[in-house]
Protein backbone atom coordinates (compact mmCIF):
# COMPACT_ATOMS: atom_id res chain seq x y z
CA MET A 1 121.32 126.46 92.07
CA ARG A 2 123.82 124.27 90.96
CA ARG A 3 123.26 120.48 92.88
CA THR A 4 126.48 118.32 92.70
CA MET A 5 126.43 114.46 93.48
CA SER A 6 126.86 114.97 97.49
CA SER A 7 123.50 116.40 97.61
CA ARG A 8 122.04 113.42 96.01
CA PRO A 9 124.14 110.56 98.15
CA TRP A 10 121.25 108.08 96.86
CA LEU A 11 123.03 108.86 92.96
CA ALA A 12 126.31 108.59 94.75
CA LEU A 13 126.00 105.49 96.33
CA PRO A 14 125.97 103.13 92.98
CA VAL A 15 129.36 104.91 91.90
CA LEU A 16 130.78 104.49 95.15
CA LEU A 17 129.76 100.99 94.82
CA ALA A 18 131.27 100.64 90.81
CA LEU A 19 134.33 102.66 92.45
CA CYS A 20 134.99 99.74 94.90
CA LEU A 21 134.49 97.07 93.46
CA ALA A 22 137.04 97.90 90.45
CA THR A 23 139.37 98.24 93.12
CA TRP A 24 138.77 94.90 95.00
CA THR A 25 138.98 93.45 91.46
CA SER A 26 141.99 94.79 90.69
CA LEU A 27 143.60 93.99 94.03
CA ALA A 28 142.29 90.64 93.85
CA ALA A 29 143.27 89.68 90.39
CA PRO A 30 146.96 89.39 89.40
CA LYS A 31 148.26 91.87 87.24
CA GLU A 32 150.05 90.47 83.81
CA SER A 33 153.21 92.33 84.69
CA ASP A 34 152.91 90.44 88.31
CA GLN A 35 152.96 86.68 86.78
CA ALA A 36 155.53 85.31 84.26
CA TRP A 37 155.41 81.66 82.68
CA VAL A 38 157.44 78.99 84.27
CA ALA A 39 157.58 75.04 83.58
CA THR A 40 155.67 73.22 86.00
CA TRP A 41 156.38 69.65 84.20
CA GLY A 42 159.13 68.37 81.90
CA ALA A 43 160.26 65.21 80.34
CA SER A 44 162.91 64.90 77.87
CA PRO A 45 162.31 64.08 74.37
CA VAL A 46 164.63 61.04 72.77
CA ALA A 47 164.63 59.37 69.36
CA PRO A 48 163.00 55.69 68.99
CA LEU A 49 165.42 52.69 67.93
CA PRO A 50 164.30 50.34 65.36
CA ALA A 51 163.60 47.53 68.21
CA ASN A 52 161.05 49.77 69.71
CA THR A 53 158.25 47.47 69.30
CA THR A 54 156.21 50.10 71.75
CA ASN A 55 156.68 53.01 69.37
CA PRO A 56 154.97 51.78 66.09
CA GLY A 57 153.54 55.21 65.76
CA PHE A 58 150.04 56.78 65.70
CA THR A 59 147.49 56.58 62.72
CA ASN A 60 144.03 57.93 63.08
CA GLN A 61 144.50 57.63 66.99
CA THR A 62 144.18 60.08 70.27
CA VAL A 63 147.09 59.61 72.72
CA ARG A 64 145.72 60.98 76.29
CA LEU A 65 149.09 61.59 78.19
CA VAL A 66 149.05 62.12 81.93
CA VAL A 67 151.41 64.60 83.59
CA HIS A 68 152.11 65.05 87.68
CA THR A 69 152.21 68.97 88.01
CA SER A 70 154.72 70.52 90.47
CA LEU A 71 153.92 74.57 90.88
CA GLY A 72 150.11 75.72 89.97
CA GLY A 73 149.00 78.36 88.25
CA ASN A 74 145.91 80.03 86.41
CA GLU A 75 146.71 79.91 82.97
CA VAL A 76 148.56 76.94 80.90
CA ARG A 77 150.26 76.32 77.90
CA VAL A 78 152.05 72.97 76.37
CA ARG A 79 155.29 72.23 74.17
CA LEU A 80 154.83 69.54 71.51
CA SER A 81 158.09 68.34 69.95
CA ASN A 82 159.02 67.03 66.71
CA ALA A 83 162.75 66.48 67.48
CA PHE A 84 163.66 63.10 66.32
CA GLY A 85 161.20 62.87 63.14
CA ALA A 86 161.86 62.19 59.92
CA GLU A 87 158.95 64.38 58.72
CA SER A 88 156.65 67.09 59.42
CA LEU A 89 153.90 65.78 62.33
CA LEU A 90 150.57 66.78 61.84
CA ILE A 91 148.65 67.51 65.87
CA GLY A 92 144.94 67.39 64.37
CA ALA A 93 143.65 68.62 67.52
CA ALA A 94 144.59 69.09 71.12
CA HIS A 95 143.09 69.68 74.42
CA LEU A 96 143.93 69.57 78.05
CA ALA A 97 142.19 68.86 81.18
CA LEU A 98 142.28 67.82 84.75
CA ARG A 99 142.96 64.35 84.99
CA SER A 100 140.10 62.28 87.67
CA MET A 101 140.71 58.81 87.41
CA ASN A 102 142.31 56.11 84.25
CA ALA A 103 141.35 57.82 80.87
CA ALA A 104 138.87 60.46 82.60
CA THR A 105 139.07 63.99 83.50
CA VAL A 106 137.40 66.33 85.63
CA SER A 107 134.16 67.77 84.24
CA GLY A 108 134.14 71.15 83.41
CA THR A 109 138.01 71.41 83.34
CA ASP A 110 138.49 70.37 79.40
CA ARG A 111 139.92 73.46 77.46
CA PRO A 112 141.01 73.04 74.08
CA LEU A 113 144.39 74.12 72.87
CA THR A 114 145.30 76.32 69.76
CA PHE A 115 148.41 77.40 68.00
CA GLY A 116 148.65 80.55 67.10
CA GLY A 117 144.82 80.67 66.97
CA SER A 118 144.55 77.29 64.88
CA ALA A 119 143.31 74.18 66.07
CA SER A 120 145.79 72.29 64.24
CA VAL A 121 149.45 72.83 63.94
CA THR A 122 152.63 71.16 61.21
CA ILE A 123 155.37 70.65 63.23
CA PRO A 124 158.58 70.57 60.99
CA PRO A 125 161.19 67.69 61.73
CA GLY A 126 163.33 68.58 64.60
CA ALA A 127 160.90 71.36 65.59
CA LEU A 128 158.96 72.17 68.53
CA VAL A 129 155.65 74.63 69.13
CA VAL A 130 154.07 76.01 72.10
CA SER A 131 150.57 76.00 72.36
CA ASP A 132 148.43 79.34 73.21
CA SER A 133 147.53 79.70 76.83
CA VAL A 134 144.17 78.98 78.06
CA LYS A 135 142.43 79.81 81.71
CA LEU A 136 142.56 77.25 84.01
CA ASP A 137 142.85 76.76 87.75
CA VAL A 138 146.10 74.08 87.67
CA PRO A 139 146.95 73.19 91.50
CA ALA A 140 150.34 72.33 92.51
CA LEU A 141 150.85 68.68 92.70
CA SER A 142 147.84 67.80 90.53
CA ASP A 143 147.27 65.30 87.54
CA LEU A 144 147.27 66.67 83.98
CA ALA A 145 145.85 64.83 80.76
CA VAL A 146 146.82 66.46 77.51
CA SER A 147 145.17 64.67 74.34
CA LEU A 148 146.46 64.62 70.97
CA TYR A 149 144.74 63.71 67.84
CA LEU A 150 147.66 62.19 65.37
CA PRO A 151 145.71 61.77 61.71
CA GLY A 152 149.33 60.13 60.92
CA PRO A 153 150.78 57.70 60.21
CA THR A 154 153.19 59.44 62.32
CA GLY A 155 155.92 56.94 61.94
CA GLN A 156 157.63 56.14 65.24
CA ALA A 157 157.33 58.86 67.27
CA THR A 158 159.84 61.55 69.42
CA TRP A 159 159.00 60.56 72.97
CA HIS A 160 160.31 59.79 76.34
CA ALA A 161 160.43 56.34 76.86
CA ALA A 162 160.07 55.61 80.68
CA ALA A 163 157.45 57.79 81.75
CA LEU A 164 156.29 55.42 84.73
CA SER A 165 152.98 56.56 83.83
CA THR A 166 150.01 55.13 82.45
CA ASN A 167 149.34 56.69 79.02
CA TYR A 168 146.28 55.66 76.84
CA VAL A 169 145.88 55.48 73.21
CA SER A 170 142.48 55.41 71.59
CA ARG A 171 140.52 52.94 68.94
CA PRO A 172 140.12 54.88 65.84
CA GLY A 173 139.15 58.96 65.76
CA ASP A 174 139.57 62.03 67.30
CA PHE A 175 138.59 61.87 71.35
CA THR A 176 140.63 65.39 72.65
CA GLY A 177 137.48 66.38 74.18
CA ALA A 178 136.18 63.45 75.45
CA ALA A 179 135.64 63.08 79.11
CA ASP A 180 136.36 59.49 79.14
CA MET A 181 138.30 58.60 76.10
CA PRO A 182 137.55 54.84 74.29
CA VAL A 183 140.67 53.03 75.22
CA ASP A 184 142.43 50.73 72.71
CA TYR A 185 145.42 50.02 74.34
CA THR A 186 148.08 51.77 77.45
CA VAL A 187 151.57 52.76 77.26
CA ALA A 188 154.23 53.25 79.60
CA SER A 189 155.45 56.25 77.44
CA TRP A 190 155.40 59.99 76.84
CA PHE A 191 155.11 60.77 72.91
CA TYR A 192 155.88 64.33 71.65
CA LEU A 193 154.68 66.12 75.02
CA THR A 194 158.27 67.90 76.59
CA ASP A 195 156.89 70.77 78.51
CA VAL A 196 153.50 72.15 80.77
CA GLU A 197 154.24 75.97 81.80
CA VAL A 198 151.72 77.64 83.88
CA LYS A 199 151.56 81.43 84.58
CA ALA A 200 152.79 81.80 88.23
CA ALA A 201 153.58 84.74 90.18
CA LYS A 202 156.88 86.71 89.14
CA ASP A 203 158.96 85.02 92.02
CA ALA A 204 158.56 82.00 91.33
CA PHE A 205 160.85 79.82 89.72
CA ALA A 206 161.83 76.41 88.41
CA LEU A 207 164.57 74.07 89.22
CA VAL A 208 165.95 71.64 86.62
CA THR A 209 166.87 68.10 87.73
CA PHE A 210 169.10 67.37 85.33
CA GLY A 211 170.63 63.52 85.28
CA ASP A 212 170.16 59.85 84.16
CA SER A 213 167.38 56.89 85.34
CA ILE A 214 168.11 57.87 89.07
CA THR A 215 166.46 61.10 88.48
CA ASP A 216 164.55 59.36 86.11
CA GLY A 217 162.72 57.57 88.52
CA THR A 218 163.96 54.42 87.47
CA ARG A 219 162.53 51.21 89.50
CA SER A 220 160.23 53.01 91.61
CA THR A 221 156.83 52.03 91.77
CA PRO A 222 154.57 53.27 88.38
CA ASP A 223 152.17 55.34 88.63
CA THR A 224 152.94 56.69 92.23
CA ASN A 225 155.14 59.82 91.34
CA HIS A 226 158.10 58.33 93.84
CA ARG A 227 160.71 59.54 91.29
CA TRP A 228 163.30 62.11 93.98
CA PRO A 229 162.26 65.29 92.01
CA ASN A 230 158.39 64.57 92.90
CA LEU A 231 158.91 63.91 96.24
CA LEU A 232 161.03 66.97 96.13
CA ALA A 233 158.52 69.02 94.36
CA GLU A 234 156.14 67.70 97.74
CA ARG A 235 158.56 69.07 100.20
CA LEU A 236 158.68 72.54 98.32
CA ALA A 237 154.93 73.00 98.18
CA GLN A 238 154.69 71.78 101.91
CA HIS A 239 156.58 74.92 102.93
CA HIS A 240 154.89 77.41 100.73
CA ALA A 241 158.23 77.68 98.33
CA LYS A 242 156.97 79.20 95.05
CA LEU A 243 159.63 76.39 93.11
CA SER A 244 158.76 74.03 90.67
CA VAL A 245 160.46 71.22 89.68
CA VAL A 246 161.17 70.16 86.46
CA ASP A 247 162.76 66.44 85.54
CA GLU A 248 165.11 66.12 83.25
CA GLY A 249 166.04 62.91 83.44
CA ILE A 250 166.82 60.00 80.84
CA ALA A 251 167.58 56.55 81.90
CA GLY A 252 170.88 55.25 80.34
CA ASN A 253 172.11 58.93 79.69
CA ARG A 254 175.73 60.24 79.80
CA ILE A 255 177.83 63.30 79.72
CA LEU A 256 180.22 62.52 76.92
CA HIS A 257 178.47 60.24 74.49
CA ASP A 258 175.28 59.47 73.13
CA LEU A 259 173.07 56.60 74.60
CA ALA A 260 169.71 57.08 75.35
CA GLY A 261 168.89 60.53 74.03
CA PRO A 262 171.39 62.86 73.11
CA ASN A 263 174.90 63.00 75.68
CA GLY A 264 174.30 65.35 78.54
CA LEU A 265 176.62 67.79 76.96
CA ALA A 266 174.69 67.92 73.76
CA ARG A 267 171.07 68.69 75.44
CA PHE A 268 172.06 71.11 78.48
CA ASP A 269 170.79 74.02 77.03
CA ARG A 270 167.77 72.00 75.38
CA ASP A 271 166.47 70.66 78.45
CA VAL A 272 167.80 73.37 81.60
CA LEU A 273 168.91 76.49 79.71
CA THR A 274 165.79 77.23 78.13
CA GLN A 275 162.99 76.58 80.36
CA PRO A 276 160.95 79.43 81.46
CA GLY A 277 161.68 80.50 84.93
CA VAL A 278 164.39 78.61 85.43
CA ALA A 279 166.56 79.48 88.28
CA TYR A 280 168.63 76.42 89.73
CA VAL A 281 170.08 73.55 88.35
CA THR A 282 171.15 70.01 90.07
CA ILE A 283 173.35 67.35 88.20
CA LEU A 284 172.83 64.01 88.92
CA LEU A 285 174.98 62.60 85.79
CA GLY A 286 178.13 60.58 85.29
CA ILE A 287 177.72 57.13 86.96
CA ASN A 288 176.55 55.44 83.18
CA ASP A 289 179.74 57.28 81.92
CA ILE A 290 182.06 55.12 84.05
CA GLY A 291 179.92 51.73 83.89
CA ARG A 292 180.02 52.08 80.07
CA SER A 293 183.78 52.17 79.77
CA THR A 294 184.37 48.80 80.06
CA THR A 295 180.66 46.85 78.87
CA GLY A 296 179.84 49.37 76.43
CA GLN A 297 179.74 47.94 72.60
CA PRO A 298 182.41 48.79 71.77
CA PRO A 299 183.51 50.22 75.21
CA GLN A 300 184.02 53.55 75.30
CA PRO A 301 186.64 54.46 78.03
CA VAL A 302 186.29 58.02 79.80
CA SER A 303 188.58 59.32 82.93
CA ALA A 304 187.72 60.50 85.85
CA GLU A 305 189.30 63.29 84.79
CA GLU A 306 187.42 63.89 81.49
CA ILE A 307 183.77 63.20 83.41
CA ILE A 308 184.71 66.34 85.99
CA SER A 309 185.84 68.41 82.85
CA GLY A 310 182.00 67.56 81.67
CA HIS A 311 180.09 68.98 84.85
CA GLN A 312 183.06 71.83 84.62
CA GLN A 313 181.22 72.47 81.44
CA MET A 314 177.72 72.55 82.49
CA ILE A 315 178.76 74.44 85.70
CA THR A 316 179.76 77.43 83.25
CA ARG A 317 177.20 77.13 80.97
CA ALA A 318 174.69 77.75 84.00
CA HIS A 319 176.67 80.48 85.56
CA GLN A 320 176.62 82.50 82.28
CA GLN A 321 173.38 82.19 82.53
CA GLY A 322 172.99 83.40 86.22
CA LEU A 323 171.63 79.96 87.16
CA LYS A 324 172.53 78.52 90.46
CA ILE A 325 173.90 74.84 89.89
CA VAL A 326 174.07 72.31 92.80
CA GLY A 327 176.54 69.24 92.54
CA CYS A 328 174.74 65.92 93.39
CA THR A 329 177.31 62.77 94.61
CA LEU A 330 177.16 59.75 92.17
CA THR A 331 175.52 56.86 94.06
CA PRO A 332 177.05 53.36 95.12
CA PHE A 333 176.94 50.91 92.16
CA GLU A 334 178.85 47.52 93.71
CA GLY A 335 177.04 44.70 92.51
CA ALA A 336 175.44 46.38 89.31
CA ALA A 337 175.89 44.39 86.13
CA TYR A 338 178.61 46.80 84.94
CA PHE A 339 180.38 47.46 87.96
CA ALA A 340 184.06 46.93 88.02
CA PRO A 341 186.92 48.51 90.82
CA GLU A 342 188.34 50.48 88.34
CA GLY A 343 185.00 52.20 87.87
CA GLU A 344 184.71 52.65 91.81
CA THR A 345 187.87 54.48 92.00
CA LYS A 346 186.50 57.19 88.86
CA ARG A 347 183.13 57.38 91.06
CA GLU A 348 185.11 58.45 94.19
CA ALA A 349 187.33 61.26 92.34
CA VAL A 350 184.46 62.57 90.79
CA ASN A 351 182.55 62.33 94.24
CA LYS A 352 185.42 64.28 95.76
CA PHE A 353 185.48 66.69 93.01
CA ILE A 354 181.43 67.89 94.04
CA ARG A 355 181.81 67.71 97.31
CA THR A 356 185.63 69.92 97.99
CA GLY A 357 186.17 71.18 94.53
CA GLY A 358 184.38 74.52 95.39
CA ALA A 359 183.33 74.51 91.43
CA TYR A 360 179.41 73.88 92.23
CA ASP A 361 177.25 76.36 94.06
CA GLY A 362 175.91 73.53 96.22
CA VAL A 363 175.89 70.11 97.05
CA ILE A 364 173.56 67.67 97.66
CA ASP A 365 175.41 63.88 98.85
CA PHE A 366 173.28 61.20 97.94
CA ASP A 367 175.89 59.08 98.23
CA ALA A 368 176.01 59.57 102.00
CA VAL A 369 172.54 59.27 101.90
CA VAL A 370 171.94 55.72 100.29
CA ARG A 371 175.37 53.66 100.95
CA ASP A 372 175.89 51.22 103.44
CA PRO A 373 178.19 52.49 105.96
CA SER A 374 179.95 48.93 106.71
CA HIS A 375 180.46 49.03 102.85
CA PRO A 376 179.99 52.04 101.31
CA ALA A 377 180.69 51.00 97.61
CA ARG A 378 177.14 49.41 98.02
CA PHE A 379 173.89 50.62 98.58
CA LEU A 380 172.10 49.87 101.87
CA PRO A 381 170.15 46.71 101.20
CA MET A 382 166.72 49.00 102.84
CA PHE A 383 167.20 51.56 99.57
CA ASP A 384 168.85 49.14 96.86
CA SER A 385 165.47 48.26 94.24
CA GLY A 386 167.71 44.80 93.97
CA ASP A 387 169.92 45.31 90.96
CA HIS A 388 172.14 47.56 93.09
CA LEU A 389 172.09 50.65 91.18
CA HIS A 390 168.76 52.07 91.84
CA PRO A 391 167.07 52.87 94.83
CA ASN A 392 163.57 51.92 95.68
CA ASP A 393 161.23 54.28 96.50
CA ALA A 394 162.20 54.42 100.05
CA GLY A 395 165.58 54.94 98.60
CA TYR A 396 164.39 57.74 96.52
CA LYS A 397 162.43 59.18 99.50
CA ALA A 398 165.22 59.41 101.65
CA MET A 399 167.44 61.34 98.57
CA ALA A 400 164.83 63.93 98.43
CA ASP A 401 164.27 63.87 102.35
CA THR A 402 168.17 64.83 102.85
CA ILE A 403 167.96 68.11 100.24
CA ASP A 404 168.82 71.21 102.14
CA LEU A 405 165.82 73.63 100.60
CA ALA A 406 168.13 76.34 101.85
CA LEU A 407 170.06 75.88 98.26
CA PHE A 408 167.07 77.31 96.22
CA LYS A 409 167.00 80.21 98.06
CA LYS A 410 168.45 83.64 96.11
CA ARG A 411 171.86 83.89 96.26
């Protein structure tokens, strides 16, 4: 008589357990098709200037760069840029880990990074590279340490000068995998690193905040992540939103002319449209165009109509890529070093376009939040950092708190 498995239940049990385990594993582990790459952190690269004494370059040194995530994920990779290098750049080794304190990393989280399977990579002038991905549970709102060994000499480095974050440079040698790197000196800039990307749920997206020093967090307290984009990321995390915030502000940036970094129209594709997972963008840009119209050396006058035309160009390009784009009103600047009455007239005209022109998909009225009701051309004193141009920590928080999170829901 033929025996079936059901006649021997003790034999069927391991098979059933294996099937259950396989089913549970498939349910518990996200499928590759259910995930996508999303930028969780970014910094716009700019060119060094001859007078940048804090950017002499590196020779046989390790730099450990500390960045603060927005959205979390279970896999991670980075982008390194040699955008402004005159020569090819050799990355001798690269590691990534969760940061604990100062230059130290969390035990068990160090991951060597490779590039096409190789531990080192050469980046041609003007180019960037994306690392291979590594498995690592990256929490939202956490600090990562990205360590780069630079055999050099590199010459002056592609960098983001105003990191408002303490980063670390070693004495000679490759210390990329060291849990507590021996530090020779600290710097307040990021070098070569332009993006950190995580593998997240397929319905997670990125919001790029595109702007100048006010988006870059100028005059906020260093090492506190009190830029308004960081504070917005905290609000989104509290509401369990699957949305990263990628800060692409450059202090001194303008829409129409180069000053600090390429002008806004020149870098819009690089810093916004190519971001992994981007679905939304905010624009807070134009105050430097206004201020430098009369005080530049030489002055480069621009009209309100030209600034508005620049905004319209960015709106058109964002819409062509299916992005939702939100305009942010320009904040007050009376009392700032480059203030002029005709500049205030231009600011009001640009703000009128942003508020009522109907070109943007939404509006964030930062001007209304931080201005003095009794003197609208000036900052409210409690939000003024002291230079009458940039907010203080309280001002940045007020800006982040006023943002309607419904702006970043699917259209």
